[in-house]
C-alpha atoms as a PDB file:
ATOM      1  CA  MET A   1     -95.755   7.910   8.070  1.00  0.00           C
ATOM      2  CA  ILE A   2     -98.560  10.264   8.950  1.00  0.00           C
ATOM      3  CA  LEU A   3     -98.609  13.004   6.318  1.00  0.00           C
ATOM      4  CA  TYR A   4    -100.146  16.548   6.103  1.00  0.00           C
ATOM      5  CA  HIS A   5    -101.381  18.669   3.327  1.00  0.00           C
ATOM      6  CA  GLY A   6    -102.446  22.170   3.466  1.00  0.00           C
ATOM      7  CA  THR A   7    -105.249  23.706   0.987  1.00  0.00           C
ATOM      8  CA  ASN A   8    -107.451  26.115   0.966  1.00  0.00           C
ATOM      9  CA  GLN A   9    -110.704  23.603   1.051  1.00  0.00           C
ATOM     10  CA  ASP A  10    -111.150  20.315   1.820  1.00  0.00           C
ATOM     11  CA  PHE A  11    -111.683  17.204  -0.781  1.00  0.00           C
ATOM     12  CA  ASN A  12    -111.919  13.747  -1.091  1.00  0.00           C
ATOM     13  CA  ALA A  13    -109.908  12.737  -4.279  1.00  0.00           C
ATOM     14  CA  ILE A  14    -106.527  13.848  -5.637  1.00  0.00           C
ATOM     15  CA  ASP A  15    -106.398  15.133  -8.959  1.00  0.00           C
ATOM     16  CA  LEU A  16    -102.929  15.345 -10.587  1.00  0.00           C
ATOM     17  CA  LYS A  17    -104.006  17.508 -13.800  1.00  0.00           C
ATOM     18  CA  LYS A  18    -104.816  20.281 -10.773  1.00  0.00           C
ATOM     19  CA  SER A  19    -101.668  20.838  -9.566  1.00  0.00           C
ATOM     20  CA  LYS A  20     -99.167  23.899 -10.819  1.00  0.00           C
ATOM     21  CA  PRO A  21     -96.482  23.024 -13.173  1.00  0.00           C
ATOM     22  CA  ASN A  22     -92.828  24.268 -12.967  1.00  0.00           C
ATOM     23  CA  LYS A  23     -92.796  23.845  -8.958  1.00  0.00           C
ATOM     24  CA  ASP A  24     -89.677  22.427  -6.787  1.00  0.00           C
ATOM     25  CA  PHE A  25     -89.810  18.980  -7.958  1.00  0.00           C
ATOM     26  CA  GLY A  26     -92.310  19.233 -10.987  1.00  0.00           C
ATOM     27  CA  GLN A  27     -96.171  19.069 -10.833  1.00  0.00           C
ATOM     28  CA  GLY A  28     -97.835  16.571  -8.065  1.00  0.00           C
ATOM     29  CA  PHE A  29     -99.297  16.889  -4.664  1.00  0.00           C
ATOM     30  CA  TYR A  30     -97.191  18.492  -2.389  1.00  0.00           C
ATOM     31  CA  LEU A  31     -97.374  16.976   1.656  1.00  0.00           C
ATOM     32  CA  SER A  32     -95.144  17.913   4.980  1.00  0.00           C
ATOM     33  CA  ARG A  33     -94.382  16.125   8.316  1.00  0.00           C
ATOM     34  CA  GLU A  34     -95.452  19.060   9.594  1.00  0.00           C
ATOM     35  CA  TYR A  35     -98.786  20.046  10.900  1.00  0.00           C
ATOM     36  CA  ALA A  36     -97.284  23.740  11.215  1.00  0.00           C
ATOM     37  CA  GLN A  37     -96.016  23.734   7.836  1.00  0.00           C
ATOM     38  CA  ALA A  38     -98.942  22.515   5.966  1.00  0.00           C
ATOM     39  CA  MET A  39    -101.151  25.447   7.871  1.00  0.00           C
ATOM     40  CA  ASP A  40     -98.837  27.525   6.859  1.00  0.00           C
ATOM     41  CA  MET A  41     -99.093  26.321   3.515  1.00  0.00           C
ATOM     42  CA  ALA A  42    -102.922  26.512   3.689  1.00  0.00           C
ATOM     43  CA  LYS A  43    -103.007  29.987   4.673  1.00  0.00           C
ATOM     44  CA  ILE A  44    -101.208  31.411   1.809  1.00  0.00           C
ATOM     45  CA  LYS A  45    -103.043  29.463  -0.642  1.00  0.00           C
ATOM     46  CA  VAL A  46    -106.162  31.165   0.569  1.00  0.00           C
ATOM     47  CA  GLU A  47    -104.269  34.354   0.325  1.00  0.00           C
ATOM     48  CA  GLN A  48    -103.110  33.786  -2.879  1.00  0.00           C
ATOM     49  CA  LEU A  49    -106.899  33.042  -5.005  1.00  0.00           C
ATOM     50  CA  GLU A  50    -108.716  34.822  -2.483  1.00  0.00           C
ATOM     51  CA  PHE A  51    -111.047  32.191  -1.347  1.00  0.00           C
ATOM     52  CA  GLY A  52    -111.571  29.272   0.798  1.00  0.00           C
ATOM     53  CA  THR A  53    -110.645  28.517   4.034  1.00  0.00           C
ATOM     54  CA  PRO A  54    -106.992  27.082   5.982  1.00  0.00           C
ATOM     55  CA  THR A  55    -107.636  23.551   5.422  1.00  0.00           C
ATOM     56  CA  VAL A  56    -105.426  20.568   6.779  1.00  0.00           C
ATOM     57  CA  LEU A  57    -105.878  17.196   5.117  1.00  0.00           C
ATOM     58  CA  THR A  58    -104.351  14.273   7.249  1.00  0.00           C
ATOM     59  CA  TYR A  59    -103.117  11.092   4.837  1.00  0.00           C
ATOM     60  CA  GLU A  60    -101.170   7.773   5.529  1.00  0.00           C
ATOM     61  CA  VAL A  61     -98.198   6.278   4.125  1.00  0.00           C
ATOM     62  CA  ASP A  62     -96.903   2.535   4.250  1.00  0.00           C
ATOM     63  CA  GLU A  63     -92.856   3.311   3.674  1.00  0.00           C
ATOM     64  CA  GLU A  64     -93.315  -0.741   2.669  1.00  0.00           C
ATOM     65  CA  GLN A  65     -94.916   0.581   0.052  1.00  0.00           C
ATOM     66  CA  MET A  66     -92.936   3.037  -1.807  1.00  0.00           C
ATOM     67  CA  LYS A  67     -90.301   0.290  -1.521  1.00  0.00           C
ATOM     68  CA  ASN A  68     -92.461  -0.806  -4.858  1.00  0.00           C
ATOM     69  CA  LEU A  69     -92.174   2.998  -6.526  1.00  0.00           C
ATOM     70  CA  LYS A  70     -88.927   5.157  -7.775  1.00  0.00           C
ATOM     71  CA  VAL A  71     -88.375   7.139  -5.313  1.00  0.00           C
ATOM     72  CA  LEU A  72     -85.376  10.229  -5.019  1.00  0.00           C
ATOM     73  CA  ARG A  73     -84.185  11.752  -1.531  1.00  0.00           C
ATOM     74  CA  PHE A  74     -82.337  14.632  -1.427  1.00  0.00           C
ATOM     75  CA  GLU A  75     -81.089  14.580   2.717  1.00  0.00           C
ATOM     76  CA  THR A  76     -79.734  18.316   2.247  1.00  0.00           C
ATOM     77  CA  TYR A  77     -79.168  20.984   0.106  1.00  0.00           C
ATOM     78  CA  SER A  78     -76.745  20.014  -2.547  1.00  0.00           C
ATOM     79  CA  GLU A  79     -76.168  20.841  -5.913  1.00  0.00           C
ATOM     80  CA  GLU A  80     -78.220  17.883  -7.652  1.00  0.00           C
ATOM     81  CA  TRP A  81     -80.722  18.999  -4.846  1.00  0.00           C
ATOM     82  CA  ALA A  82     -80.584  22.694  -7.052  1.00  0.00           C
ATOM     83  CA  LYS A  83     -79.878  21.196 -10.305  1.00  0.00           C
ATOM     84  CA  PHE A  84     -83.091  19.308  -9.828  1.00  0.00           C
ATOM     85  CA  ILE A  85     -85.522  22.650  -8.383  1.00  0.00           C
ATOM     86  CA  LEU A  86     -84.383  24.402 -11.610  1.00  0.00           C
ATOM     87  CA  LEU A  87     -84.913  21.307 -13.547  1.00  0.00           C
ATOM     88  CA  ASN A  88     -88.371  21.414 -13.029  1.00  0.00           C
ATOM     89  CA  ARG A  89     -89.152  24.944 -12.375  1.00  0.00           C
ATOM     90  CA  ASN A  90     -87.575  26.017 -15.170  1.00  0.00           C
ATOM     91  CA  ASN A  91     -89.708  22.881 -17.550  1.00  0.00           C
ATOM     92  CA  SER A  92     -91.087  24.466 -20.672  1.00  0.00           C
ATOM     93  CA  SER A  93     -92.296  20.973 -21.004  1.00  0.00           C
ATOM     94  CA  ARG A  94     -96.118  19.487 -20.788  1.00  0.00           C
ATOM     95  CA  GLU A  95     -94.263  16.181 -19.807  1.00  0.00           C
ATOM     96  CA  PRO A  96     -92.564  15.937 -16.324  1.00  0.00           C
ATOM     97  CA  ALA A  97     -88.551  17.136 -16.237  1.00  0.00           C
ATOM     98  CA  HIS A  98     -88.163  12.944 -14.374  1.00  0.00           C
ATOM     99  CA  ASP A  99     -89.967  10.095 -13.616  1.00  0.00           C
ATOM    100  CA  TYR A 100     -89.771   9.588 -10.058  1.00  0.00           C
ATOM    101  CA  ASP A 101     -92.601   8.659  -8.823  1.00  0.00           C
ATOM    102  CA  ILE A 102     -91.845  10.267  -5.369  1.00  0.00           C
ATOM    103  CA  VAL A 103     -89.141  12.549  -3.843  1.00  0.00           C
ATOM    104  CA  ILE A 104     -88.517  13.924  -0.773  1.00  0.00           C
ATOM    105  CA  GLY A 105     -85.903  16.369   0.091  1.00  0.00           C
ATOM    106  CA  PRO A 106     -85.866  20.214   1.178  1.00  0.00           C
ATOM    107  CA  ILE A 107     -88.239  22.689   0.185  1.00  0.00           C
ATOM    108  CA  ALA A 108     -88.006  25.796  -1.697  1.00  0.00           C
ATOM    109  CA  ASN A 109     -88.912  28.633   0.025  1.00  0.00           C
ATOM    110  CA  ASP A 110     -88.829  32.464  -0.128  1.00  0.00           C
ATOM    111  CA  ARG A 111     -85.284  32.425   1.411  1.00  0.00           C
ATOM    112  CA  VAL A 112     -84.069  29.687  -1.170  1.00  0.00           C
ATOM    113  CA  GLY A 113     -85.711  31.291  -3.916  1.00  0.00           C
ATOM    114  CA  VAL A 114     -83.694  34.604  -3.500  1.00  0.00           C
ATOM    115  CA  GLN A 115     -80.327  32.083  -3.513  1.00  0.00           C
ATOM    116  CA  LEU A 116     -81.401  30.210  -6.513  1.00  0.00           C
ATOM    117  CA  TRP A 117     -82.565  33.616  -8.235  1.00  0.00           C
ATOM    118  CA  LYS A 118     -79.031  34.670  -7.492  1.00  0.00           C
ATOM    119  CA  TYR A 119     -77.578  31.343  -9.196  1.00  0.00           C
ATOM    120  CA  GLU A 120     -79.445  32.169 -12.556  1.00  0.00           C
ATOM    121  CA  THR A 121     -78.330  35.444 -12.922  1.00  0.00           C
ATOM    122  CA  ASN A 122     -74.793  34.377 -12.347  1.00  0.00           C
ATOM    123  CA  SER A 123     -74.738  36.687  -9.330  1.00  0.00           C
ATOM    124  CA  ILE A 124     -73.304  33.473  -7.229  1.00  0.00           C
ATOM    125  CA  ASP A 125     -71.442  29.915  -8.627  1.00  0.00           C
ATOM    126  CA  LEU A 126     -73.164  26.879  -7.706  1.00  0.00           C
ATOM    127  CA  PRO A 127     -70.720  25.460  -4.870  1.00  0.00           C
ATOM    128  CA  THR A 128     -72.006  29.198  -3.561  1.00  0.00           C
ATOM    129  CA  LEU A 129     -75.494  28.744  -3.671  1.00  0.00           C
ATOM    130  CA  VAL A 130     -75.164  25.387  -2.139  1.00  0.00           C
ATOM    131  CA  HIS A 131     -73.066  26.922   0.935  1.00  0.00           C
ATOM    132  CA  ASN A 132     -75.442  29.839   1.753  1.00  0.00           C
ATOM    133  CA  LEU A 133     -78.320  27.211   1.860  1.00  0.00           C
ATOM    134  CA  ARG A 134     -76.240  24.998   3.645  1.00  0.00           C
ATOM    135  CA  ASN A 135     -75.564  28.122   6.314  1.00  0.00           C
ATOM    136  CA  MET A 136     -79.769  28.679   6.480  1.00  0.00           C
ATOM    137  CA  LYS A 137     -81.231  28.142   9.653  1.00  0.00           C
ATOM    138  CA  GLY A 138     -84.498  25.469   9.417  1.00  0.00           C
ATOM    139  CA  ILE A 139     -84.285  23.600   6.368  1.00  0.00           C
ATOM    140  CA  THR A 140     -87.719  21.927   6.041  1.00  0.00           C
ATOM    141  CA  PHE A 141     -88.844  19.061   4.326  1.00  0.00           C
ATOM    142  CA  GLN A 142     -91.519  18.107   1.101  1.00  0.00           C
ATOM    143  CA  TYR A 143     -93.025  15.071   0.231  1.00  0.00           C
ATOM    144  CA  TYR A 144     -93.735  15.416  -3.603  1.00  0.00           C
ATOM    145  CA  PHE A 145     -96.172  12.630  -4.598  1.00  0.00           C
ATOM    146  CA  GLY A 146     -96.432  13.013  -8.607  1.00  0.00           C
ATOM    147  CA  THR A 147     -97.972   9.729 -10.108  1.00  0.00           C
ATOM    148  CA  GLU A 148    -100.947   7.694  -9.586  1.00  0.00           C
ATOM    149  CA  ASP A 149     -98.751   5.056  -7.609  1.00  0.00           C
ATOM    150  CA  ALA A 150     -98.028   7.262  -5.990  1.00  0.00           C
ATOM    151  CA  ILE A 151    -101.146   8.586  -5.007  1.00  0.00           C
ATOM    152  CA  LYS A 152    -102.896   5.333  -4.718  1.00  0.00           C
ATOM    153  CA  ILE A 153    -100.356   4.955  -1.555  1.00  0.00           C
ATOM    154  CA  LEU A 154    -101.929   7.793   0.069  1.00  0.00           C
ATOM    155  CA  LYS A 155    -104.706   7.295   2.192  1.00  0.00           C
ATOM    156  CA  ARG A 156    -106.624   9.168   4.225  1.00  0.00           C
ATOM    157  CA  VAL A 157    -107.380   9.897   7.424  1.00  0.00           C
END
């Protein structure tokens, strides 16, 4: 499987400590199966940091090697997915909120973020949140590699 990572500059070694905490699936290295999505993320990164050049790095993953790791998959938006996202985004500890090596599931982009905010401020309940998310167009998936064991199976192409 080929995955892409959008960034503001090229690099050779993945350093999980450089990853920001409180992301959708926790502090880790995020990739996409879609080149265009990775390029969009690269452009956003350049805009946020105000330096660099949008860069997409390509990695190959042997799916057989994934079987030796602890992997969590969300096939679509669900109550479990929403709770997992909020668990990670609201984690105040330096320790990860979960012990998965790899997590695969829908991305919580800006449109999704608005729905999560409505849920967190009690404007909508959990079933309404999931209903609203499932009726949005275009689920985009992300791949989180959050441990050194997971990073080891990523081969730069």
